[in-house]
PDB file of N, CA and C in Angstrom:
ATOM      1  N   MET A   1      80.917 -43.617 -42.246  1.00  0.00           N
ATOM      2  CA  MET A   1      82.299 -44.030 -42.106  1.00  0.00           C
ATOM      3  C   MET A   1      83.195 -42.883 -42.565  1.00  0.00           C
ATOM      4  N   SER A   2      84.181 -42.538 -41.729  1.00  0.00           N
ATOM      5  CA  SER A   2      85.072 -41.437 -42.079  1.00  0.00           C
ATOM      6  C   SER A   2      86.238 -41.944 -42.917  1.00  0.00           C
ATOM      7  N   GLU A   3      86.711 -41.081 -43.786  1.00  0.00           N
ATOM      8  CA  GLU A   3      87.856 -41.414 -44.632  1.00  0.00           C
ATOM      9  C   GLU A   3      89.132 -41.299 -43.804  1.00  0.00           C
ATOM     10  N   GLU A   4      89.991 -42.307 -43.883  1.00  0.00           N
ATOM     11  CA  GLU A   4      91.284 -42.247 -43.226  1.00  0.00           C
ATOM     12  C   GLU A   4      92.270 -41.547 -44.150  1.00  0.00           C
ATOM     13  N   VAL A   5      93.131 -40.754 -43.572  1.00  0.00           N
ATOM     14  CA  VAL A   5      94.200 -40.125 -44.331  1.00  0.00           C
ATOM     15  C   VAL A   5      95.440 -40.986 -44.147  1.00  0.00           C
ATOM     16  N   ILE A   6      95.962 -41.502 -45.249  1.00  0.00           N
ATOM     17  CA  ILE A   6      97.148 -42.347 -45.206  1.00  0.00           C
ATOM     18  C   ILE A   6      98.309 -41.551 -45.789  1.00  0.00           C
ATOM     19  N   LEU A   7      99.371 -41.445 -44.999  1.00  0.00           N
ATOM     20  CA  LEU A   7     100.518 -40.625 -45.368  1.00  0.00           C
ATOM     21  C   LEU A   7     101.765 -41.473 -45.610  1.00  0.00           C
ATOM     22  N   LEU A   8     102.758 -40.869 -46.212  1.00  0.00           N
ATOM     23  CA  LEU A   8     104.045 -41.506 -46.441  1.00  0.00           C
ATOM     24  C   LEU A   8     104.620 -41.991 -45.108  1.00  0.00           C
ATOM     25  N   GLY A   9     105.035 -43.258 -45.055  1.00  0.00           N
ATOM     26  CA  GLY A   9     105.608 -43.838 -43.845  1.00  0.00           C
ATOM     27  C   GLY A   9     104.609 -44.521 -42.937  1.00  0.00           C
ATOM     28  N   ASP A  10     103.318 -44.391 -43.231  1.00  0.00           N
ATOM     29  CA  ASP A  10     102.295 -45.028 -42.398  1.00  0.00           C
ATOM     30  C   ASP A  10     102.283 -46.540 -42.587  1.00  0.00           C
ATOM     31  N   PRO A  11     102.070 -47.295 -41.499  1.00  0.00           N
ATOM     32  CA  PRO A  11     101.868 -48.739 -41.626  1.00  0.00           C
ATOM     33  C   PRO A  11     100.435 -49.006 -42.080  1.00  0.00           C
ATOM     34  N   VAL A  12     100.265 -49.915 -43.032  1.00  0.00           N
ATOM     35  CA  VAL A  12      98.942 -50.210 -43.576  1.00  0.00           C
ATOM     36  C   VAL A  12      98.725 -51.717 -43.682  1.00  0.00           C
ATOM     37  N   VAL A  13      97.451 -52.091 -43.731  1.00  0.00           N
ATOM     38  CA  VAL A  13      97.020 -53.465 -43.994  1.00  0.00           C
ATOM     39  C   VAL A  13      95.808 -53.386 -44.910  1.00  0.00           C
ATOM     40  N   TYR A  14      95.430 -54.530 -45.501  1.00  0.00           N
ATOM     41  CA  TYR A  14      94.195 -54.560 -46.277  1.00  0.00           C
ATOM     42  C   TYR A  14      93.008 -54.403 -45.336  1.00  0.00           C
ATOM     43  N   ARG A  15      91.927 -53.802 -45.825  1.00  0.00           N
ATOM     44  CA  ARG A  15      90.706 -53.661 -45.034  1.00  0.00           C
ATOM     45  C   ARG A  15      90.210 -55.033 -44.597  1.00  0.00           C
ATOM     46  N   ASP A  16      89.490 -55.062 -43.476  1.00  0.00           N
ATOM     47  CA  ASP A  16      88.998 -56.321 -42.912  1.00  0.00           C
ATOM     48  C   ASP A  16      88.022 -57.040 -43.831  1.00  0.00           C
ATOM     49  N   ASP A  17      87.297 -56.299 -44.679  1.00  0.00           N
ATOM     50  CA  ASP A  17      86.314 -56.940 -45.559  1.00  0.00           C
ATOM     51  C   ASP A  17      86.952 -57.524 -46.819  1.00  0.00           C
ATOM     52  N   ILE A  18      88.251 -57.380 -46.974  1.00  0.00           N
ATOM     53  CA  ILE A  18      88.956 -57.955 -48.125  1.00  0.00           C
ATOM     54  C   ILE A  18      89.693 -59.198 -47.650  1.00  0.00           C
ATOM     55  N   ASN A  19      89.217 -60.348 -48.084  1.00  0.00           N
ATOM     56  CA  ASN A  19      89.809 -61.619 -47.668  1.00  0.00           C
ATOM     57  C   ASN A  19      90.607 -62.191 -48.826  1.00  0.00           C
ATOM     58  N   ASN A  20      91.834 -61.719 -48.949  1.00  0.00           N
ATOM     59  CA  ASN A  20      92.673 -62.166 -50.059  1.00  0.00           C
ATOM     60  C   ASN A  20      93.804 -63.072 -49.594  1.00  0.00           C
ATOM     61  N   GLY A  21      93.802 -63.430 -48.308  1.00  0.00           N
ATOM     62  CA  GLY A  21      94.841 -64.298 -47.779  1.00  0.00           C
ATOM     63  C   GLY A  21      96.168 -63.601 -47.553  1.00  0.00           C
ATOM     64  N   PHE A  22      96.202 -62.298 -47.713  1.00  0.00           N
ATOM     65  CA  PHE A  22      97.440 -61.537 -47.533  1.00  0.00           C
ATOM     66  C   PHE A  22      97.281 -60.672 -46.292  1.00  0.00           C
ATOM     67  N   ASP A  23      97.881 -61.091 -45.196  1.00  0.00           N
ATOM     68  CA  ASP A  23      97.687 -60.417 -43.912  1.00  0.00           C
ATOM     69  C   ASP A  23      98.920 -59.667 -43.418  1.00  0.00           C
ATOM     70  N   GLU A  24      99.864 -59.395 -44.304  1.00  0.00           N
ATOM     71  CA  GLU A  24     101.095 -58.704 -43.920  1.00  0.00           C
ATOM     72  C   GLU A  24     100.828 -57.224 -43.629  1.00  0.00           C
ATOM     73  N   VAL A  25     101.737 -56.624 -42.877  1.00  0.00           N
ATOM     74  CA  VAL A  25     101.736 -55.183 -42.643  1.00  0.00           C
ATOM     75  C   VAL A  25     102.704 -54.561 -43.644  1.00  0.00           C
ATOM     76  N   GLY A  26     102.288 -53.465 -44.246  1.00  0.00           N
ATOM     77  CA  GLY A  26     103.147 -52.767 -45.191  1.00  0.00           C
ATOM     78  C   GLY A  26     103.392 -51.337 -44.754  1.00  0.00           C
ATOM     79  N   VAL A  27     104.341 -50.685 -45.397  1.00  0.00           N
ATOM     80  CA  VAL A  27     104.653 -49.283 -45.127  1.00  0.00           C
ATOM     81  C   VAL A  27     104.525 -48.512 -46.433  1.00  0.00           C
ATOM     82  N   VAL A  28     103.832 -47.384 -46.374  1.00  0.00           N
ATOM     83  CA  VAL A  28     103.659 -46.539 -47.555  1.00  0.00           C
ATOM     84  C   VAL A  28     105.001 -45.888 -47.891  1.00  0.00           C
ATOM     85  N   VAL A  29     105.477 -46.131 -49.116  1.00  0.00           N
ATOM     86  CA  VAL A  29     106.774 -45.581 -49.532  1.00  0.00           C
ATOM     87  C   VAL A  29     106.645 -44.545 -50.645  1.00  0.00           C
ATOM     88  N   GLN A  30     105.453 -44.429 -51.240  1.00  0.00           N
ATOM     89  CA  GLN A  30     105.239 -43.408 -52.270  1.00  0.00           C
ATOM     90  C   GLN A  30     103.759 -43.069 -52.303  1.00  0.00           C
ATOM     91  N   THR A  31     103.469 -41.773 -52.378  1.00  0.00           N
ATOM     92  CA  THR A  31     102.086 -41.313 -52.468  1.00  0.00           C
ATOM     93  C   THR A  31     101.940 -40.436 -53.698  1.00  0.00           C
ATOM     94  N   GLY A  32     100.735 -39.985 -53.922  1.00  0.00           N
ATOM     95  CA  GLY A  32     100.474 -39.139 -55.086  1.00  0.00           C
ATOM     96  C   GLY A  32      99.738 -39.921 -56.148  1.00  0.00           C
ATOM     97  N   SER A  33     100.120 -39.723 -57.398  1.00  0.00           N
ATOM     98  CA  SER A  33      99.419 -40.396 -58.494  1.00  0.00           C
ATOM     99  C   SER A  33      99.692 -41.892 -58.511  1.00  0.00           C
ATOM    100  N   CYS A  34     100.779 -42.321 -57.899  1.00  0.00           N
ATOM    101  CA  CYS A  34     101.137 -43.740 -57.829  1.00  0.00           C
ATOM    102  C   CYS A  34     101.370 -44.077 -56.362  1.00  0.00           C
ATOM    103  N   PHE A  35     100.452 -44.842 -55.772  1.00  0.00           N
ATOM    104  CA  PHE A  35     100.505 -45.175 -54.349  1.00  0.00           C
ATOM    105  C   PHE A  35     101.213 -46.514 -54.190  1.00  0.00           C
ATOM    106  N   LYS A  36     102.381 -46.526 -53.528  1.00  0.00           N
ATOM    107  CA  LYS A  36     103.165 -47.762 -53.404  1.00  0.00           C
ATOM    108  C   LYS A  36     103.365 -48.143 -51.945  1.00  0.00           C
ATOM    109  N   VAL A  37     103.333 -49.471 -51.709  1.00  0.00           N
ATOM    110  CA  VAL A  37     103.512 -50.024 -50.369  1.00  0.00           C
ATOM    111  C   VAL A  37     104.608 -51.082 -50.424  1.00  0.00           C
ATOM    112  N   LEU A  38     105.504 -51.028 -49.443  1.00  0.00           N
ATOM    113  CA  LEU A  38     106.513 -52.067 -49.276  1.00  0.00           C
ATOM    114  C   LEU A  38     106.004 -53.008 -48.194  1.00  0.00           C
ATOM    115  N   TRP A  39     105.711 -54.249 -48.584  1.00  0.00           N
ATOM    116  CA  TRP A  39     105.152 -55.241 -47.670  1.00  0.00           C
ATOM    117  C   TRP A  39     106.264 -55.994 -46.956  1.00  0.00           C
ATOM    118  N   ASN A  40     105.965 -56.542 -45.772  1.00  0.00           N
ATOM    119  CA  ASN A  40     106.928 -57.337 -44.995  1.00  0.00           C
ATOM    120  C   ASN A  40     107.580 -58.388 -45.870  1.00  0.00           C
ATOM    121  N   GLY A  41     108.881 -58.504 -45.772  1.00  0.00           N
ATOM    122  CA  GLY A  41     109.602 -59.562 -46.465  1.00  0.00           C
ATOM    123  C   GLY A  41     109.822 -59.343 -47.947  1.00  0.00           C
ATOM    124  N   GLU A  42     109.389 -58.220 -48.477  1.00  0.00           N
ATOM    125  CA  GLU A  42     109.575 -57.951 -49.904  1.00  0.00           C
ATOM    126  C   GLU A  42     110.634 -56.875 -50.093  1.00  0.00           C
ATOM    127  N   HIS A  43     111.300 -56.913 -51.237  1.00  0.00           N
ATOM    128  CA  HIS A  43     112.369 -55.963 -51.515  1.00  0.00           C
ATOM    129  C   HIS A  43     111.944 -54.828 -52.438  1.00  0.00           C
ATOM    130  N   HIS A  44     110.803 -54.985 -53.097  1.00  0.00           N
ATOM    131  CA  HIS A  44     110.322 -53.974 -54.034  1.00  0.00           C
ATOM    132  C   HIS A  44     108.880 -53.615 -53.679  1.00  0.00           C
ATOM    133  N   PRO A  45     108.561 -52.312 -53.656  1.00  0.00           N
ATOM    134  CA  PRO A  45     107.188 -51.906 -53.339  1.00  0.00           C
ATOM    135  C   PRO A  45     106.223 -52.273 -54.457  1.00  0.00           C
ATOM    136  N   ARG A  46     104.955 -52.418 -54.082  1.00  0.00           N
ATOM    137  CA  ARG A  46     103.887 -52.717 -55.044  1.00  0.00           C
ATOM    138  C   ARG A  46     102.948 -51.523 -55.159  1.00  0.00           C
ATOM    139  N   VAL A  47     102.452 -51.304 -56.358  1.00  0.00           N
ATOM    140  CA  VAL A  47     101.411 -50.299 -56.567  1.00  0.00           C
ATOM    141  C   VAL A  47     100.124 -50.862 -55.968  1.00  0.00           C
ATOM    142  N   GLN A  48      99.444 -50.067 -55.151  1.00  0.00           N
ATOM    143  CA  GLN A  48      98.233 -50.511 -54.461  1.00  0.00           C
ATOM    144  C   GLN A  48      97.075 -49.559 -54.741  1.00  0.00           C
ATOM    145  N   ILE A  49      95.881 -50.063 -54.575  1.00  0.00           N
ATOM    146  CA  ILE A  49      94.673 -49.237 -54.634  1.00  0.00           C
ATOM    147  C   ILE A  49      94.407 -48.764 -53.215  1.00  0.00           C
ATOM    148  N   ILE A  50      94.490 -47.465 -53.007  1.00  0.00           N
ATOM    149  CA  ILE A  50      94.410 -46.919 -51.655  1.00  0.00           C
ATOM    150  C   ILE A  50      93.095 -47.274 -50.957  1.00  0.00           C
ATOM    151  N   GLY A  51      92.012 -47.407 -51.707  1.00  0.00           N
ATOM    152  CA  GLY A  51      90.720 -47.736 -51.121  1.00  0.00           C
ATOM    153  C   GLY A  51      90.634 -49.137 -50.551  1.00  0.00           C
ATOM    154  N   GLN A  52      91.592 -49.996 -50.867  1.00  0.00           N
ATOM    155  CA  GLN A  52      91.602 -51.359 -50.334  1.00  0.00           C
ATOM    156  C   GLN A  52      92.401 -51.469 -49.040  1.00  0.00           C
ATOM    157  N   LEU A  53      93.005 -50.364 -48.607  1.00  0.00           N
ATOM    158  CA  LEU A  53      93.876 -50.392 -47.439  1.00  0.00           C
ATOM    159  C   LEU A  53      93.295 -49.581 -46.298  1.00  0.00           C
ATOM    160  N   ARG A  54      93.787 -49.861 -45.108  1.00  0.00           N
ATOM    161  CA  ARG A  54      93.481 -49.052 -43.926  1.00  0.00           C
ATOM    162  C   ARG A  54      94.758 -48.935 -43.102  1.00  0.00           C
ATOM    163  N   LEU A  55      94.774 -47.956 -42.218  1.00  0.00           N
ATOM    164  CA  LEU A  55      95.914 -47.811 -41.324  1.00  0.00           C
ATOM    165  C   LEU A  55      95.999 -49.025 -40.408  1.00  0.00           C
ATOM    166  N   ALA A  56      97.197 -49.503 -40.169  1.00  0.00           N
ATOM    167  CA  ALA A  56      97.396 -50.631 -39.260  1.00  0.00           C
ATOM    168  C   ALA A  56      97.337 -50.131 -37.820  1.00  0.00           C
ATOM    169  N   ASP A  57      96.695 -50.917 -36.957  1.00  0.00           N
ATOM    170  CA  ASP A  57      96.665 -50.607 -35.532  1.00  0.00           C
ATOM    171  C   ASP A  57      98.005 -50.973 -34.907  1.00  0.00           C
ATOM    172  N   LEU A  58      98.287 -50.421 -33.731  1.00  0.00           N
ATOM    173  CA  LEU A  58      99.547 -50.692 -33.050  1.00  0.00           C
ATOM    174  C   LEU A  58      99.741 -52.182 -32.785  1.00  0.00           C
ATOM    175  N   ASP A  59      98.663 -52.884 -32.388  1.00  0.00           N
ATOM    176  CA  ASP A  59      98.802 -54.323 -32.128  1.00  0.00           C
ATOM    177  C   ASP A  59      99.135 -55.095 -33.399  1.00  0.00           C
ATOM    178  N   GLU A  60      98.664 -54.619 -34.548  1.00  0.00           N
ATOM    179  CA  GLU A  60      98.998 -55.255 -35.825  1.00  0.00           C
ATOM    180  C   GLU A  60     100.456 -54.994 -36.204  1.00  0.00           C
ATOM    181  N   VAL A  61     100.923 -53.777 -35.948  1.00  0.00           N
ATOM    182  CA  VAL A  61     102.318 -53.444 -36.245  1.00  0.00           C
ATOM    183  C   VAL A  61     103.240 -54.302 -35.387  1.00  0.00           C
ATOM    184  N   GLU A  62     102.911 -54.442 -34.107  1.00  0.00           N
ATOM    185  CA  GLU A  62     103.729 -55.260 -33.210  1.00  0.00           C
ATOM    186  C   GLU A  62     103.715 -56.727 -33.616  1.00  0.00           C
ATOM    187  N   ALA A  63     102.551 -57.226 -34.060  1.00  0.00           N
ATOM    188  CA  ALA A  63     102.430 -58.628 -34.466  1.00  0.00           C
ATOM    189  C   ALA A  63     102.992 -58.867 -35.866  1.00  0.00           C
ATOM    190  N   GLY A  64     103.084 -57.809 -36.667  1.00  0.00           N
ATOM    191  CA  GLY A  64     103.583 -57.946 -38.033  1.00  0.00           C
ATOM    192  C   GLY A  64     102.575 -58.532 -38.990  1.00  0.00           C
ATOM    193  N   GLN A  65     101.287 -58.502 -38.618  1.00  0.00           N
ATOM    194  CA  GLN A  65     100.244 -59.022 -39.501  1.00  0.00           C
ATOM    195  C   GLN A  65      98.900 -58.385 -39.178  1.00  0.00           C
ATOM    196  N   ARG A  66      98.002 -58.460 -40.141  1.00  0.00           N
ATOM    197  CA  ARG A  66      96.651 -57.928 -39.985  1.00  0.00           C
ATOM    198  C   ARG A  66      95.890 -58.764 -38.969  1.00  0.00           C
ATOM    199  N   ILE A  67      95.129 -58.093 -38.124  1.00  0.00           N
ATOM    200  CA  ILE A  67      94.248 -58.754 -37.171  1.00  0.00           C
ATOM    201  C   ILE A  67      92.836 -58.328 -37.525  1.00  0.00           C
ATOM    202  N   ILE A  68      92.045 -59.272 -38.041  1.00  0.00           N
ATOM    203  CA  ILE A  68      90.675 -58.952 -38.445  1.00  0.00           C
ATOM    204  C   ILE A  68      89.809 -58.897 -37.199  1.00  0.00           C
ATOM    205  N   LYS A  69      89.161 -57.767 -37.038  1.00  0.00           N
ATOM    206  CA  LYS A  69      88.344 -57.543 -35.850  1.00  0.00           C
ATOM    207  C   LYS A  69      86.897 -57.903 -36.119  1.00  0.00           C
ATOM    208  N   ASN A  70      86.278 -58.541 -35.154  1.00  0.00           N
ATOM    209  CA  ASN A  70      84.868 -58.890 -35.233  1.00  0.00           C
ATOM    210  C   ASN A  70      84.069 -57.653 -34.847  1.00  0.00           C
ATOM    211  N   GLU A  71      83.214 -57.170 -35.738  1.00  0.00           N
ATOM    212  CA  GLU A  71      82.462 -55.937 -35.487  1.00  0.00           C
ATOM    213  C   GLU A  71      81.438 -56.079 -34.375  1.00  0.00           C
ATOM    214  N   THR A  72      81.087 -57.294 -33.969  1.00  0.00           N
ATOM    215  CA  THR A  72      80.080 -57.485 -32.927  1.00  0.00           C
ATOM    216  C   THR A  72      80.682 -57.417 -31.538  1.00  0.00           C
ATOM    217  N   THR A  73      82.023 -57.364 -31.436  1.00  0.00           N
ATOM    218  CA  THR A  73      82.643 -57.310 -30.107  1.00  0.00           C
ATOM    219  C   THR A  73      83.109 -55.922 -29.786  1.00  0.00           C
TER     220      THR A  73
END
């Protein structure tokens, strides 16, 4: 599995293997030693663990939520 590079301004979602009930799309607003994401509908960014996130696909950005993909299809 290749490492994704996530940059400032990128849309992100939680990885598909993390089922935390939070399927919103967020935007990276700060990188470096403190990685922050502003999630849909929130006014203040949250500090996130970068390893729990992945880049959002275009269909997820358009839908405004994470779409968990079945690996067998």
